[in-house]
Each structure stands twice: as C-alpha cells, then as structure tokens.
Amino acid sequence: MNDNMISGLLATYENGKMSRRDLVQGLALLTASAGTMSAAGFQGNSINHVSMQVSDLQKSTDFYQRVFGCKVNKREGNNQLVFGKSFIVLRPAKPAGTVDHLAIGVDNFNKESVTADLKARGVTPMESKGAGFHVMDPDGYPLQISENK
C-alpha cells in the first residue's frame, strides 16, 4: 500500500478538508486497489473541451465553422464546436476573449471514486452545473474533470 497516499489522506482529514466518511472510503479504495497508481486509479488522459467567453455567439460560431469546418451543436445559451473527440464551448459573456475553463477527460469516470482520490491528493472538488466537477489549480484556474466521451 502506498504510504504517501495514506499520509495524504490523513493530513487532509486532520486539516478538516475531508470528512471521516471520506477518509474511510479513501482508505478502503487504497486497500482495494493496492498496486495501482492512485486510490481510485483515475488519470486525466485527454483535453475534453475548452470553454471560451465570446462577445458575439453567432459571429464566433460562424468563424470556427468557416475556418476549421467544425460541426456545431447548438445548446441552451452556448454552442459546442466539435473537433474530432474534443470540442470548444462558446459562451456569450463579458469580458470576452477569456478562457472560462479547461476540461480534463477521464476514462470510466466515477464521481465518488474520483472525488475520494482527489481529496487524498489534497484537492477539494467543487460541484458544477455540467458534467463532473471543478477543481482549482494553484493559480486559481478552474479545471473541470469529467467523463471522456
């Protein structure tokens, strides 16, 4: 069993960033997955999508479609531009020209397992409106973690 993972779980619990239930779940996952690379065994393995804030949704959608020939999926309030297995989400917002978040894709995503694993790694996941959830990198940049689709 990985001593660093156990130490990480205990430190997170002792700092009040993890409940007793999450600690026990994390220890159980470590025991069940002894020999794997992490408690839940998840690894980010793709850029699922990038979400960008734009001033004019239609103008930006037309640009990406014309220049890159991408398929457009209209969604409520935003557009999804498909590039192979990845996509860009265009969201009307101010300030424009801002990357809203980057989504990391995970194969066989299981929210509870990934949550326990992140907490064991000292990261607190935050709920999101969409799929998966968000974490913040050291500079406060939002990263969404979701199913690889």
Protein backbone atom coordinates (compact mmCIF):
# COMPACT_ATOMS: atom_id res chain seq x y z
CA MET A 1 0.00 0.00 0.00
CA ASN A 2 1.28 3.49 -0.79
CA ASP A 3 2.47 5.24 2.38
CA ASN A 4 2.35 8.65 0.65
CA MET A 5 -1.31 8.17 -0.20
CA ILE A 6 -2.16 7.17 3.39
CA SER A 7 -0.22 10.17 4.71
CA GLY A 8 -2.05 12.41 2.24
CA LEU A 9 -5.42 11.07 3.30
CA LEU A 10 -4.64 11.52 6.99
CA ALA A 11 -3.23 15.03 6.52
CA THR A 12 -6.32 16.06 4.54
CA TYR A 13 -8.59 14.63 7.24
CA GLU A 14 -6.61 16.21 10.08
CA ASN A 15 -6.74 19.62 8.34
CA GLY A 16 -10.53 19.40 8.28
CA LYS A 17 -10.74 19.19 4.49
CA MET A 18 -12.16 15.66 4.48
CA SER A 19 -14.92 14.00 6.46
CA ARG A 20 -14.39 10.81 8.44
CA ARG A 21 -16.59 9.02 5.89
CA ASP A 22 -14.36 10.24 3.03
CA LEU A 23 -11.25 9.16 4.95
CA VAL A 24 -12.62 5.66 5.45
CA GLN A 25 -13.72 5.48 1.81
CA GLY A 26 -10.28 6.61 0.66
CA LEU A 27 -8.54 4.03 2.85
CA ALA A 28 -10.91 1.34 1.55
CA LEU A 29 -10.14 2.35 -2.03
CA LEU A 30 -6.42 2.22 -1.31
CA THR A 31 -6.77 -1.26 0.13
CA ALA A 32 -8.91 -2.46 -2.76
CA SER A 33 -6.58 -1.02 -5.36
CA ALA A 34 -3.20 -1.82 -3.80
CA GLY A 35 -0.59 -1.71 -6.53
CA THR A 36 -2.41 0.81 -8.73
CA MET A 37 -1.22 4.35 -9.26
CA SER A 38 -3.84 6.04 -7.05
CA ALA A 39 -6.76 5.39 -4.74
CA ALA A 40 -9.38 5.38 -7.48
CA GLY A 41 -6.95 4.67 -10.29
CA PHE A 42 -8.10 7.64 -12.34
CA GLN A 43 -5.82 9.56 -14.63
CA GLY A 44 -6.66 12.51 -16.84
CA ASN A 45 -5.91 11.40 -20.36
CA SER A 46 -7.40 13.98 -22.73
CA ILE A 47 -8.45 17.56 -23.12
CA ASN A 48 -12.21 17.01 -23.27
CA HIS A 49 -13.07 20.64 -24.07
CA VAL A 50 -12.16 24.27 -23.63
CA SER A 51 -14.87 26.76 -22.65
CA MET A 52 -14.42 30.28 -24.03
CA GLN A 53 -16.28 33.52 -23.34
CA VAL A 54 -17.19 35.43 -26.52
CA SER A 55 -18.83 38.80 -27.22
CA ASP A 56 -21.00 37.60 -30.14
CA LEU A 57 -22.02 33.93 -30.06
CA GLN A 58 -23.16 33.74 -33.69
CA LYS A 59 -20.15 35.63 -35.07
CA SER A 60 -17.71 33.39 -33.16
CA THR A 61 -19.62 30.23 -34.13
CA ASP A 62 -19.54 31.27 -37.80
CA PHE A 63 -15.79 31.92 -37.57
CA TYR A 64 -14.92 28.48 -36.14
CA GLN A 65 -17.25 26.74 -38.57
CA ARG A 66 -15.89 28.62 -41.59
CA VAL A 67 -12.20 28.46 -40.66
CA PHE A 68 -11.99 24.97 -39.14
CA GLY A 69 -15.02 23.24 -40.68
CA CYS A 70 -16.24 22.02 -37.31
CA LYS A 71 -19.69 20.61 -36.63
CA VAL A 72 -21.85 22.86 -34.47
CA ASN A 73 -24.14 21.56 -31.74
CA LYS A 74 -26.49 24.30 -30.55
CA ARG A 75 -27.08 24.21 -26.83
CA GLU A 76 -29.11 26.29 -24.44
CA GLY A 77 -27.18 29.55 -24.09
CA ASN A 78 -23.99 28.38 -25.80
CA ASN A 79 -22.65 26.48 -28.79
CA GLN A 80 -20.49 23.38 -28.84
CA LEU A 81 -18.00 23.15 -31.72
CA VAL A 82 -16.84 19.58 -32.31
CA PHE A 83 -13.23 18.81 -33.28
CA GLY A 84 -12.90 15.02 -33.51
CA LYS A 85 -13.28 13.69 -29.96
CA SER A 86 -12.81 17.13 -28.36
CA PHE A 87 -14.81 20.33 -28.54
CA ILE A 88 -14.86 24.03 -27.77
CA VAL A 89 -17.77 25.60 -25.91
CA LEU A 90 -18.54 29.20 -26.84
CA ARG A 91 -20.41 31.14 -24.13
CA PRO A 92 -21.63 34.72 -24.52
CA ALA A 93 -20.12 36.68 -21.63
CA LYS A 94 -18.12 39.70 -20.64
CA PRO A 95 -15.27 40.07 -20.58
CA ALA A 96 -14.94 38.32 -23.93
CA GLY A 97 -11.69 36.70 -25.01
CA THR A 98 -11.40 34.76 -21.77
CA VAL A 99 -10.97 31.02 -21.38
CA ASP A 100 -13.65 30.08 -18.85
CA HIS A 101 -12.26 26.64 -18.01
CA LEU A 102 -10.38 23.64 -19.36
CA ALA A 103 -11.99 20.20 -19.05
CA ILE A 104 -9.84 17.13 -18.41
CA GLY A 105 -11.35 13.86 -19.65
CA VAL A 106 -11.17 10.69 -17.54
CA ASP A 107 -11.97 7.21 -18.84
CA ASN A 108 -14.54 5.25 -16.78
CA PHE A 109 -15.33 8.36 -14.71
CA ASN A 110 -16.90 7.54 -11.35
CA LYS A 111 -17.68 10.71 -9.42
CA GLU A 112 -17.41 9.17 -5.94
CA SER A 113 -14.11 7.40 -6.65
CA VAL A 114 -12.54 10.41 -8.34
CA THR A 115 -13.73 12.67 -5.51
CA ALA A 116 -12.12 10.43 -2.88
CA ASP A 117 -8.93 10.21 -4.93
CA LEU A 118 -8.73 13.99 -5.38
CA LYS A 119 -9.23 14.54 -1.65
CA ALA A 120 -6.45 12.04 -0.99
CA ARG A 121 -4.27 14.16 -3.28
CA GLY A 122 -5.12 17.28 -1.25
CA VAL A 123 -7.58 18.78 -3.76
CA THR A 124 -11.17 19.76 -2.92
CA PRO A 125 -13.61 19.22 -5.81
CA MET A 126 -16.42 21.75 -6.31
CA GLU A 127 -19.82 20.91 -7.78
CA SER A 128 -20.61 22.27 -11.22
CA LYS A 129 -23.77 22.73 -13.28
CA GLY A 130 -22.48 20.47 -16.04
CA ALA A 131 -20.92 17.05 -16.08
CA GLY A 132 -18.33 16.16 -13.47
CA PHE A 133 -16.99 18.86 -11.19
CA HIS A 134 -14.31 21.54 -10.95
CA VAL A 135 -11.04 21.87 -9.07
CA MET A 136 -8.76 24.89 -8.94
CA ASP A 137 -5.12 24.79 -9.94
CA PRO A 138 -2.55 26.62 -7.75
CA ASP A 139 -3.16 29.88 -9.64
CA GLY A 140 -6.95 29.67 -9.29
CA TYR A 141 -7.58 28.47 -12.82
CA PRO A 142 -10.75 26.31 -13.00
CA LEU A 143 -10.35 22.77 -14.33
CA GLN A 144 -13.37 20.60 -14.98
CA ILE A 145 -12.94 16.85 -14.53
CA SER A 146 -15.47 14.77 -16.43
CA GLU A 147 -16.10 11.57 -18.38
CA ASN A 148 -14.11 11.09 -21.57
CA LYS A 149 -16.81 10.99 -24.24
